[in-house]
All heavy atoms as atom14 arrays in JSON, in Angstrom:
{
  "sequence": "TIGGNVAENSGGVHCLKYGLTVHNVLRVRGYTVEGEAVEFGSE",
  "atom14_mask": [
    [1, 1, 1, 1, 1, 1, 1, 0, 0, 0, 0, 0, 0, 0],
    [1, 1, 1, 1, 1, 1, 1, 1, 0, 0, 0, 0, 0, 0],
    [1, 1, 1, 1, 0, 0, 0, 0, 0, 0, 0, 0, 0, 0],
    [1, 1, 1, 1, 0, 0, 0, 0, 0, 0, 0, 0, 0, 0],
    [1, 1, 1, 1, 1, 1, 1, 1, 0, 0, 0, 0, 0, 0],
    [1, 1, 1, 1, 1, 1, 1, 0, 0, 0, 0, 0, 0, 0],
    [1, 1, 1, 1, 1, 0, 0, 0, 0, 0, 0, 0, 0, 0],
    [1, 1, 1, 1, 1, 1, 1, 1, 1, 0, 0, 0, 0, 0],
    [1, 1, 1, 1, 1, 1, 1, 1, 0, 0, 0, 0, 0, 0],
    [1, 1, 1, 1, 1, 1, 0, 0, 0, 0, 0, 0, 0, 0],
    [1, 1, 1, 1, 0, 0, 0, 0, 0, 0, 0, 0, 0, 0],
    [1, 1, 1, 1, 0, 0, 0, 0, 0, 0, 0, 0, 0, 0],
    [1, 1, 1, 1, 1, 1, 1, 0, 0, 0, 0, 0, 0, 0],
    [1, 1, 1, 1, 1, 1, 1, 1, 1, 1, 0, 0, 0, 0],
    [1, 1, 1, 1, 1, 1, 0, 0, 0, 0, 0, 0, 0, 0],
    [1, 1, 1, 1, 1, 1, 1, 1, 0, 0, 0, 0, 0, 0],
    [1, 1, 1, 1, 1, 1, 1, 1, 1, 0, 0, 0, 0, 0],
    [1, 1, 1, 1, 1, 1, 1, 1, 1, 1, 1, 1, 0, 0],
    [1, 1, 1, 1, 0, 0, 0, 0, 0, 0, 0, 0, 0, 0],
    [1, 1, 1, 1, 1, 1, 1, 1, 0, 0, 0, 0, 0, 0],
    [1, 1, 1, 1, 1, 1, 1, 0, 0, 0, 0, 0, 0, 0],
    [1, 1, 1, 1, 1, 1, 1, 0, 0, 0, 0, 0, 0, 0],
    [1, 1, 1, 1, 1, 1, 1, 1, 1, 1, 0, 0, 0, 0],
    [1, 1, 1, 1, 1, 1, 1, 1, 0, 0, 0, 0, 0, 0],
    [1, 1, 1, 1, 1, 1, 1, 0, 0, 0, 0, 0, 0, 0],
    [1, 1, 1, 1, 1, 1, 1, 1, 0, 0, 0, 0, 0, 0],
    [1, 1, 1, 1, 1, 1, 1, 1, 1, 1, 1, 0, 0, 0],
    [1, 1, 1, 1, 1, 1, 1, 0, 0, 0, 0, 0, 0, 0],
    [1, 1, 1, 1, 1, 1, 1, 1, 1, 1, 1, 0, 0, 0],
    [1, 1, 1, 1, 0, 0, 0, 0, 0, 0, 0, 0, 0, 0],
    [1, 1, 1, 1, 1, 1, 1, 1, 1, 1, 1, 1, 0, 0],
    [1, 1, 1, 1, 1, 1, 1, 0, 0, 0, 0, 0, 0, 0],
    [1, 1, 1, 1, 1, 1, 1, 0, 0, 0, 0, 0, 0, 0],
    [1, 1, 1, 1, 1, 1, 1, 1, 1, 0, 0, 0, 0, 0],
    [1, 1, 1, 1, 0, 0, 0, 0, 0, 0, 0, 0, 0, 0],
    [1, 1, 1, 1, 1, 1, 1, 1, 1, 0, 0, 0, 0, 0],
    [1, 1, 1, 1, 1, 0, 0, 0, 0, 0, 0, 0, 0, 0],
    [1, 1, 1, 1, 1, 1, 1, 0, 0, 0, 0, 0, 0, 0],
    [1, 1, 1, 1, 1, 1, 1, 1, 1, 0, 0, 0, 0, 0],
    [1, 1, 1, 1, 1, 1, 1, 1, 1, 1, 1, 0, 0, 0],
    [1, 1, 1, 1, 0, 0, 0, 0, 0, 0, 0, 0, 0, 0],
    [1, 1, 1, 1, 1, 1, 0, 0, 0, 0, 0, 0, 0, 0],
    [1, 1, 1, 1, 1, 1, 1, 1, 1, 0, 0, 0, 0, 0]
  ],
  "atom14_positions": [
    [[3.77, 9.56, 4.92], [4.58, 8.72, 4.05], [3.75, 7.65, 3.36], [2.68, 7.26, 3.85], [5.7, 8.03, 4.85], [5.1, 7.15, 5.82], [6.57, 9.06, 5.57], [0.0, 0.0, 0.0], [0.0, 0.0, 0.0], [0.0, 0.0, 0.0], [0.0, 0.0, 0.0], [0.0, 0.0, 0.0], [0.0, 0.0, 0.0], [0.0, 0.0, 0.0]],
    [[4.28, 7.14, 2.26], [3.55, 6.13, 1.51], [3.41, 4.83, 2.32], [2.4, 4.13, 2.22], [4.21, 5.86, 0.13], [3.29, 5.03, -0.75], [5.57, 5.21, 0.3], [2.0, 5.73, -1.13], [0.0, 0.0, 0.0], [0.0, 0.0, 0.0], [0.0, 0.0, 0.0], [0.0, 0.0, 0.0], [0.0, 0.0, 0.0], [0.0, 0.0, 0.0]],
    [[4.41, 4.53, 3.16], [4.3, 3.34, 4.01], [3.14, 3.45, 4.97], [2.38, 2.5, 5.17], [0.0, 0.0, 0.0], [0.0, 0.0, 0.0], [0.0, 0.0, 0.0], [0.0, 0.0, 0.0], [0.0, 0.0, 0.0], [0.0, 0.0, 0.0], [0.0, 0.0, 0.0], [0.0, 0.0, 0.0], [0.0, 0.0, 0.0], [0.0, 0.0, 0.0]],
    [[2.98, 4.64, 5.56], [1.85, 4.86, 6.46], [0.54, 4.84, 5.71], [-0.48, 4.35, 6.22], [0.0, 0.0, 0.0], [0.0, 0.0, 0.0], [0.0, 0.0, 0.0], [0.0, 0.0, 0.0], [0.0, 0.0, 0.0], [0.0, 0.0, 0.0], [0.0, 0.0, 0.0], [0.0, 0.0, 0.0], [0.0, 0.0, 0.0], [0.0, 0.0, 0.0]],
    [[0.53, 5.39, 4.48], [-0.69, 5.36, 3.66], [-1.12, 3.93, 3.37], [-2.31, 3.61, 3.41], [-0.44, 6.08, 2.33], [-0.28, 7.58, 2.45], [0.02, 8.25, 1.48], [-0.47, 8.12, 3.64], [0.0, 0.0, 0.0], [0.0, 0.0, 0.0], [0.0, 0.0, 0.0], [0.0, 0.0, 0.0], [0.0, 0.0, 0.0], [0.0, 0.0, 0.0]],
    [[-0.15, 3.06, 3.08], [-0.46, 1.65, 2.83], [-0.99, 1.0, 4.11], [-1.97, 0.26, 4.08], [0.78, 0.9, 2.3], [0.52, -0.61, 2.25], [1.16, 1.41, 0.91], [0.0, 0.0, 0.0], [0.0, 0.0, 0.0], [0.0, 0.0, 0.0], [0.0, 0.0, 0.0], [0.0, 0.0, 0.0], [0.0, 0.0, 0.0], [0.0, 0.0, 0.0]],
    [[-0.36, 1.29, 5.23], [-0.77, 0.69, 6.5], [-2.2, 1.06, 6.86], [-2.95, 0.24, 7.4], [0.18, 1.13, 7.61], [0.0, 0.0, 0.0], [0.0, 0.0, 0.0], [0.0, 0.0, 0.0], [0.0, 0.0, 0.0], [0.0, 0.0, 0.0], [0.0, 0.0, 0.0], [0.0, 0.0, 0.0], [0.0, 0.0, 0.0], [0.0, 0.0, 0.0]],
    [[-2.61, 2.29, 6.56], [-3.93, 2.76, 6.96], [-4.95, 2.76, 5.81], [-6.12, 3.06, 6.03], [-3.83, 4.19, 7.51], [-2.86, 4.35, 8.66], [-3.25, 3.53, 9.88], [-4.44, 3.24, 10.05], [-2.34, 3.16, 10.65], [0.0, 0.0, 0.0], [0.0, 0.0, 0.0], [0.0, 0.0, 0.0], [0.0, 0.0, 0.0], [0.0, 0.0, 0.0]],
    [[-4.51, 2.46, 4.59], [-5.37, 2.57, 3.41], [-5.96, 3.97, 3.29], [-7.18, 4.17, 3.23], [-6.49, 1.53, 3.42], [-7.21, 1.43, 2.08], [-6.66, 1.8, 1.03], [-8.42, 0.92, 2.08], [0.0, 0.0, 0.0], [0.0, 0.0, 0.0], [0.0, 0.0, 0.0], [0.0, 0.0, 0.0], [0.0, 0.0, 0.0], [0.0, 0.0, 0.0]],
    [[-5.07, 4.97, 3.27], [-5.47, 6.37, 3.26], [-6.22, 6.73, 1.97], [-6.03, 6.11, 0.93], [-4.24, 7.26, 3.4], [-3.53, 6.94, 4.58], [0.0, 0.0, 0.0], [0.0, 0.0, 0.0], [0.0, 0.0, 0.0], [0.0, 0.0, 0.0], [0.0, 0.0, 0.0], [0.0, 0.0, 0.0], [0.0, 0.0, 0.0], [0.0, 0.0, 0.0]],
    [[-7.03, 7.79, 2.06], [-7.81, 8.25, 0.91], [-7.45, 9.67, 0.54], [-6.43, 9.93, -0.07], [0.0, 0.0, 0.0], [0.0, 0.0, 0.0], [0.0, 0.0, 0.0], [0.0, 0.0, 0.0], [0.0, 0.0, 0.0], [0.0, 0.0, 0.0], [0.0, 0.0, 0.0], [0.0, 0.0, 0.0], [0.0, 0.0, 0.0], [0.0, 0.0, 0.0]],
    [[-8.29, 10.61, 0.92], [-8.07, 12.0, 0.56], [-9.27, 12.59, -0.14], [-10.27, 11.9, -0.41], [0.0, 0.0, 0.0], [0.0, 0.0, 0.0], [0.0, 0.0, 0.0], [0.0, 0.0, 0.0], [0.0, 0.0, 0.0], [0.0, 0.0, 0.0], [0.0, 0.0, 0.0], [0.0, 0.0, 0.0], [0.0, 0.0, 0.0], [0.0, 0.0, 0.0]],
    [[-9.16, 13.88, -0.47], [-10.32, 14.58, -1.01], [-10.69, 14.11, -2.42], [-11.81, 14.36, -2.87], [-10.1, 16.1, -0.99], [-9.88, 16.6, 0.41], [-8.93, 16.51, -1.89], [0.0, 0.0, 0.0], [0.0, 0.0, 0.0], [0.0, 0.0, 0.0], [0.0, 0.0, 0.0], [0.0, 0.0, 0.0], [0.0, 0.0, 0.0], [0.0, 0.0, 0.0]],
    [[-9.79, 13.45, -3.12], [-10.1, 13.0, -4.48], [-10.33, 11.49, -4.57], [-10.3, 10.91, -5.66], [-8.98, 13.42, -5.44], [-8.91, 14.91, -5.66], [-8.08, 15.73, -4.94], [-9.61, 15.73, -6.48], [-8.25, 16.99, -5.32], [-9.18, 17.01, -6.25], [0.0, 0.0, 0.0], [0.0, 0.0, 0.0], [0.0, 0.0, 0.0], [0.0, 0.0, 0.0]],
    [[-10.55, 10.84, -3.41], [-10.69, 9.38, -3.43], [-12.0, 8.93, -4.06], [-12.1, 7.79, -4.51], [-10.56, 8.82, -2.02], [-11.88, 9.32, -0.89], [0.0, 0.0, 0.0], [0.0, 0.0, 0.0], [0.0, 0.0, 0.0], [0.0, 0.0, 0.0], [0.0, 0.0, 0.0], [0.0, 0.0, 0.0], [0.0, 0.0, 0.0], [0.0, 0.0, 0.0]],
    [[-13.0, 9.79, -4.12], [-14.28, 9.39, -4.71], [-14.09, 8.95, -6.15], [-14.62, 7.92, -6.59], [-15.28, 10.54, -4.62], [-16.65, 10.3, -5.27], [-17.37, 9.14, -4.6], [-17.5, 11.57, -5.21], [0.0, 0.0, 0.0], [0.0, 0.0, 0.0], [0.0, 0.0, 0.0], [0.0, 0.0, 0.0], [0.0, 0.0, 0.0], [0.0, 0.0, 0.0]],
    [[-13.32, 9.72, -6.91], [-13.12, 9.41, -8.33], [-11.92, 8.5, -8.57], [-11.96, 7.63, -9.44], [-12.94, 10.72, -9.11], [-12.77, 10.52, -10.62], [-12.76, 11.85, -11.35], [-12.63, 11.67, -12.86], [-12.68, 12.97, -13.59], [0.0, 0.0, 0.0], [0.0, 0.0, 0.0], [0.0, 0.0, 0.0], [0.0, 0.0, 0.0], [0.0, 0.0, 0.0]],
    [[-10.85, 8.69, -7.79], [-9.6, 8.01, -8.09], [-9.26, 6.86, -7.14], [-8.29, 6.14, -7.36], [-8.45, 9.03, -8.09], [-8.57, 10.02, -9.23], [-9.06, 11.29, -9.01], [-8.23, 9.66, -10.53], [-9.19, 12.21, -10.05], [-8.34, 10.55, -11.58], [-8.83, 11.83, -11.33], [-8.96, 12.73, -12.37], [0.0, 0.0, 0.0], [0.0, 0.0, 0.0]],
    [[-10.05, 6.69, -6.11], [-9.86, 5.53, -5.25], [-8.93, 5.78, -4.07], [-8.26, 6.81, -3.97], [0.0, 0.0, 0.0], [0.0, 0.0, 0.0], [0.0, 0.0, 0.0], [0.0, 0.0, 0.0], [0.0, 0.0, 0.0], [0.0, 0.0, 0.0], [0.0, 0.0, 0.0], [0.0, 0.0, 0.0], [0.0, 0.0, 0.0], [0.0, 0.0, 0.0]],
    [[-8.92, 4.8, -3.16], [-8.07, 4.83, -1.98], [-6.68, 4.26, -2.31], [-6.41, 3.89, -3.45], [-8.72, 4.0, -0.87], [-10.13, 4.41, -0.45], [-10.78, 3.3, 0.36], [-10.09, 5.7, 0.35], [0.0, 0.0, 0.0], [0.0, 0.0, 0.0], [0.0, 0.0, 0.0], [0.0, 0.0, 0.0], [0.0, 0.0, 0.0], [0.0, 0.0, 0.0]],
    [[-5.84, 4.18, -1.29], [-4.5, 3.63, -1.51], [-4.55, 2.23, -2.12], [-3.78, 1.91, -3.03], [-3.73, 3.59, -0.17], [-3.6, 4.92, 0.33], [-2.35, 3.0, -0.36], [0.0, 0.0, 0.0], [0.0, 0.0, 0.0], [0.0, 0.0, 0.0], [0.0, 0.0, 0.0], [0.0, 0.0, 0.0], [0.0, 0.0, 0.0], [0.0, 0.0, 0.0]],
    [[-5.47, 1.39, -1.64], [-5.54, 0.02, -2.13], [-5.79, -0.05, -3.64], [-5.4, -1.01, -4.3], [-6.64, -0.77, -1.36], [-8.04, -0.29, -1.74], [-6.5, -2.27, -1.59], [0.0, 0.0, 0.0], [0.0, 0.0, 0.0], [0.0, 0.0, 0.0], [0.0, 0.0, 0.0], [0.0, 0.0, 0.0], [0.0, 0.0, 0.0], [0.0, 0.0, 0.0]],
    [[-6.41, 0.98, -4.21], [-6.68, 1.01, -5.64], [-5.52, 1.59, -6.44], [-5.56, 1.58, -7.68], [-7.94, 1.85, -5.92], [-9.14, 1.4, -5.15], [-9.74, 2.18, -4.17], [-9.83, 0.23, -5.17], [-10.76, 1.53, -3.65], [-10.85, 0.35, -4.24], [0.0, 0.0, 0.0], [0.0, 0.0, 0.0], [0.0, 0.0, 0.0], [0.0, 0.0, 0.0]],
    [[-4.51, 2.1, -5.75], [-3.43, 2.81, -6.44], [-2.04, 2.25, -6.16], [-1.04, 2.83, -6.59], [-3.47, 4.3, -6.05], [-4.65, 5.03, -6.66], [-4.6, 5.49, -7.79], [-5.74, 5.11, -5.91], [0.0, 0.0, 0.0], [0.0, 0.0, 0.0], [0.0, 0.0, 0.0], [0.0, 0.0, 0.0], [0.0, 0.0, 0.0], [0.0, 0.0, 0.0]],
    [[-1.98, 1.14, -5.44], [-0.7, 0.47, -5.18], [-0.69, -0.87, -5.88], [-1.62, -1.66, -5.74], [-0.48, 0.29, -3.66], [0.78, -0.53, -3.4], [-0.36, 1.65, -2.98], [0.0, 0.0, 0.0], [0.0, 0.0, 0.0], [0.0, 0.0, 0.0], [0.0, 0.0, 0.0], [0.0, 0.0, 0.0], [0.0, 0.0, 0.0], [0.0, 0.0, 0.0]],
    [[0.36, -1.12, -6.65], [0.46, -2.35, -7.41], [1.26, -3.43, -6.68], [0.94, -4.61, -6.73], [1.14, -2.07, -8.76], [0.34, -1.24, -9.77], [1.25, -0.82, -10.93], [-0.84, -2.04, -10.29], [0.0, 0.0, 0.0], [0.0, 0.0, 0.0], [0.0, 0.0, 0.0], [0.0, 0.0, 0.0], [0.0, 0.0, 0.0], [0.0, 0.0, 0.0]],
    [[2.32, -3.0, -6.03], [3.26, -3.96, -5.43], [3.85, -3.37, -4.16], [4.09, -2.17, -4.07], [4.37, -4.26, -6.43], [5.57, -5.02, -5.91], [6.68, -5.09, -6.96], [7.97, -5.38, -6.37], [8.79, -4.47, -5.86], [8.44, -3.19, -5.88], [9.95, -4.82, -5.36], [0.0, 0.0, 0.0], [0.0, 0.0, 0.0], [0.0, 0.0, 0.0]],
    [[4.06, -4.22, -3.17], [4.67, -3.8, -1.92], [5.75, -4.8, -1.54], [5.55, -6.02, -1.64], [3.61, -3.71, -0.79], [4.29, -3.6, 0.56], [2.71, -2.51, -1.0], [0.0, 0.0, 0.0], [0.0, 0.0, 0.0], [0.0, 0.0, 0.0], [0.0, 0.0, 0.0], [0.0, 0.0, 0.0], [0.0, 0.0, 0.0], [0.0, 0.0, 0.0]],
    [[6.88, -4.29, -1.11], [7.97, -5.13, -0.61], [8.16, -4.83, 0.87], [7.98, -3.7, 1.33], [9.26, -4.82, -1.36], [10.5, -5.55, -0.83], [11.74, -5.2, -1.65], [12.95, -5.7, -1.01], [13.41, -6.94, -1.12], [12.74, -7.82, -1.86], [14.51, -7.32, -0.51], [0.0, 0.0, 0.0], [0.0, 0.0, 0.0], [0.0, 0.0, 0.0]],
    [[8.48, -5.87, 1.65], [8.69, -5.65, 3.06], [9.32, -6.86, 3.72], [9.89, -7.73, 3.04], [0.0, 0.0, 0.0], [0.0, 0.0, 0.0], [0.0, 0.0, 0.0], [0.0, 0.0, 0.0], [0.0, 0.0, 0.0], [0.0, 0.0, 0.0], [0.0, 0.0, 0.0], [0.0, 0.0, 0.0], [0.0, 0.0, 0.0], [0.0, 0.0, 0.0]],
    [[9.18, -6.91, 5.06], [9.79, -8.0, 5.83], [8.8, -8.5, 6.87], [8.07, -7.72, 7.48], [11.07, -7.51, 6.51], [12.21, -7.32, 5.52], [12.32, -6.14, 4.81], [13.11, -8.35, 5.26], [13.32, -5.97, 3.87], [14.12, -8.19, 4.33], [14.22, -7.0, 3.63], [15.2, -6.84, 2.69], [0.0, 0.0, 0.0], [0.0, 0.0, 0.0]],
    [[8.81, -9.8, 7.08], [7.99, -10.39, 8.13], [8.64, -10.12, 9.48], [9.76, -9.63, 9.57], [7.85, -11.91, 7.94], [9.14, -12.51, 8.14], [7.35, -12.24, 6.54], [0.0, 0.0, 0.0], [0.0, 0.0, 0.0], [0.0, 0.0, 0.0], [0.0, 0.0, 0.0], [0.0, 0.0, 0.0], [0.0, 0.0, 0.0], [0.0, 0.0, 0.0]],
    [[7.95, -10.48, 10.54], [8.47, -10.28, 11.87], [9.75, -11.07, 12.1], [10.59, -10.7, 12.94], [7.4, -10.64, 12.92], [7.12, -12.14, 12.93], [7.78, -10.13, 14.31], [0.0, 0.0, 0.0], [0.0, 0.0, 0.0], [0.0, 0.0, 0.0], [0.0, 0.0, 0.0], [0.0, 0.0, 0.0], [0.0, 0.0, 0.0], [0.0, 0.0, 0.0]],
    [[9.93, -12.15, 11.34], [11.16, -12.96, 11.47], [12.31, -12.4, 10.64], [13.4, -12.97, 10.63], [10.9, -14.41, 11.04], [9.94, -15.16, 11.92], [8.51, -15.11, 11.37], [8.26, -14.27, 10.47], [7.66, -15.87, 11.86], [0.0, 0.0, 0.0], [0.0, 0.0, 0.0], [0.0, 0.0, 0.0], [0.0, 0.0, 0.0], [0.0, 0.0, 0.0]],
    [[12.06, -11.3, 9.9], [13.12, -10.71, 9.08], [13.23, -11.31, 7.7], [14.23, -11.13, 7.01], [0.0, 0.0, 0.0], [0.0, 0.0, 0.0], [0.0, 0.0, 0.0], [0.0, 0.0, 0.0], [0.0, 0.0, 0.0], [0.0, 0.0, 0.0], [0.0, 0.0, 0.0], [0.0, 0.0, 0.0], [0.0, 0.0, 0.0], [0.0, 0.0, 0.0]],
    [[12.19, -12.01, 7.26], [12.19, -12.63, 5.93], [11.6, -11.65, 4.91], [10.55, -11.06, 5.13], [11.35, -13.91, 5.94], [11.24, -14.59, 4.58], [10.27, -15.75, 4.58], [9.74, -16.08, 5.67], [10.03, -16.33, 3.5], [0.0, 0.0, 0.0], [0.0, 0.0, 0.0], [0.0, 0.0, 0.0], [0.0, 0.0, 0.0], [0.0, 0.0, 0.0]],
    [[12.3, -11.49, 3.77], [11.81, -10.59, 2.72], [10.57, -11.18, 2.07], [10.51, -12.38, 1.77], [12.89, -10.37, 1.67], [0.0, 0.0, 0.0], [0.0, 0.0, 0.0], [0.0, 0.0, 0.0], [0.0, 0.0, 0.0], [0.0, 0.0, 0.0], [0.0, 0.0, 0.0], [0.0, 0.0, 0.0], [0.0, 0.0, 0.0], [0.0, 0.0, 0.0]],
    [[9.55, -10.33, 1.83], [8.31, -10.76, 1.19], [7.85, -9.69, 0.21], [8.19, -8.51, 0.35], [7.18, -11.02, 2.22], [7.43, -12.29, 3.0], [7.02, -9.83, 3.15], [0.0, 0.0, 0.0], [0.0, 0.0, 0.0], [0.0, 0.0, 0.0], [0.0, 0.0, 0.0], [0.0, 0.0, 0.0], [0.0, 0.0, 0.0], [0.0, 0.0, 0.0]],
    [[7.1, -10.12, -0.81], [6.5, -9.18, -1.76], [5.03, -9.52, -1.92], [4.64, -10.69, -1.89], [7.2, -9.25, -3.12], [8.58, -8.61, -3.13], [9.11, -8.38, -4.54], [8.35, -8.6, -5.52], [10.28, -7.99, -4.67], [0.0, 0.0, 0.0], [0.0, 0.0, 0.0], [0.0, 0.0, 0.0], [0.0, 0.0, 0.0], [0.0, 0.0, 0.0]],
    [[4.24, -8.5, -2.09], [2.79, -8.65, -2.29], [2.42, -7.91, -3.56], [2.93, -6.82, -3.84], [2.01, -8.07, -1.12], [2.38, -8.66, 0.21], [3.41, -8.11, 0.96], [1.71, -9.76, 0.71], [3.75, -8.64, 2.2], [2.04, -10.31, 1.93], [3.07, -9.75, 2.68], [0.0, 0.0, 0.0], [0.0, 0.0, 0.0], [0.0, 0.0, 0.0]],
    [[1.51, -8.51, -4.37], [1.13, -7.88, -5.63], [2.21, -8.02, -6.67], [3.15, -8.81, -6.54], [0.0, 0.0, 0.0], [0.0, 0.0, 0.0], [0.0, 0.0, 0.0], [0.0, 0.0, 0.0], [0.0, 0.0, 0.0], [0.0, 0.0, 0.0], [0.0, 0.0, 0.0], [0.0, 0.0, 0.0], [0.0, 0.0, 0.0], [0.0, 0.0, 0.0]],
    [[2.09, -7.25, -7.74], [3.1, -7.26, -8.81], [2.95, -5.99, -9.63], [2.0, -5.22, -9.43], [2.9, -8.48, -9.72], [1.77, -8.3, -10.56], [0.0, 0.0, 0.0], [0.0, 0.0, 0.0], [0.0, 0.0, 0.0], [0.0, 0.0, 0.0], [0.0, 0.0, 0.0], [0.0, 0.0, 0.0], [0.0, 0.0, 0.0], [0.0, 0.0, 0.0]],
    [[3.86, -5.75, -10.54], [3.78, -4.57, -11.39], [2.81, -4.79, -12.55], [2.55, -3.87, -13.32], [5.16, -4.17, -11.88], [6.06, -3.73, -10.73], [7.37, -3.13, -11.19], [7.51, -2.91, -12.4], [8.25, -2.9, -10.34], [0.0, 0.0, 0.0], [0.0, 0.0, 0.0], [0.0, 0.0, 0.0], [0.0, 0.0, 0.0], [0.0, 0.0, 0.0]]
  ]
}
């Protein structure tokens, strides 16, 4: 899943040219351990 890919910064056989997950994700939404909504990055 994409959530797991973000957690592990997954790559793949084409990462040499196109980059890892960190190079291909613009924005992430989630929740802190206290249940507070947070966003990282932007579109």
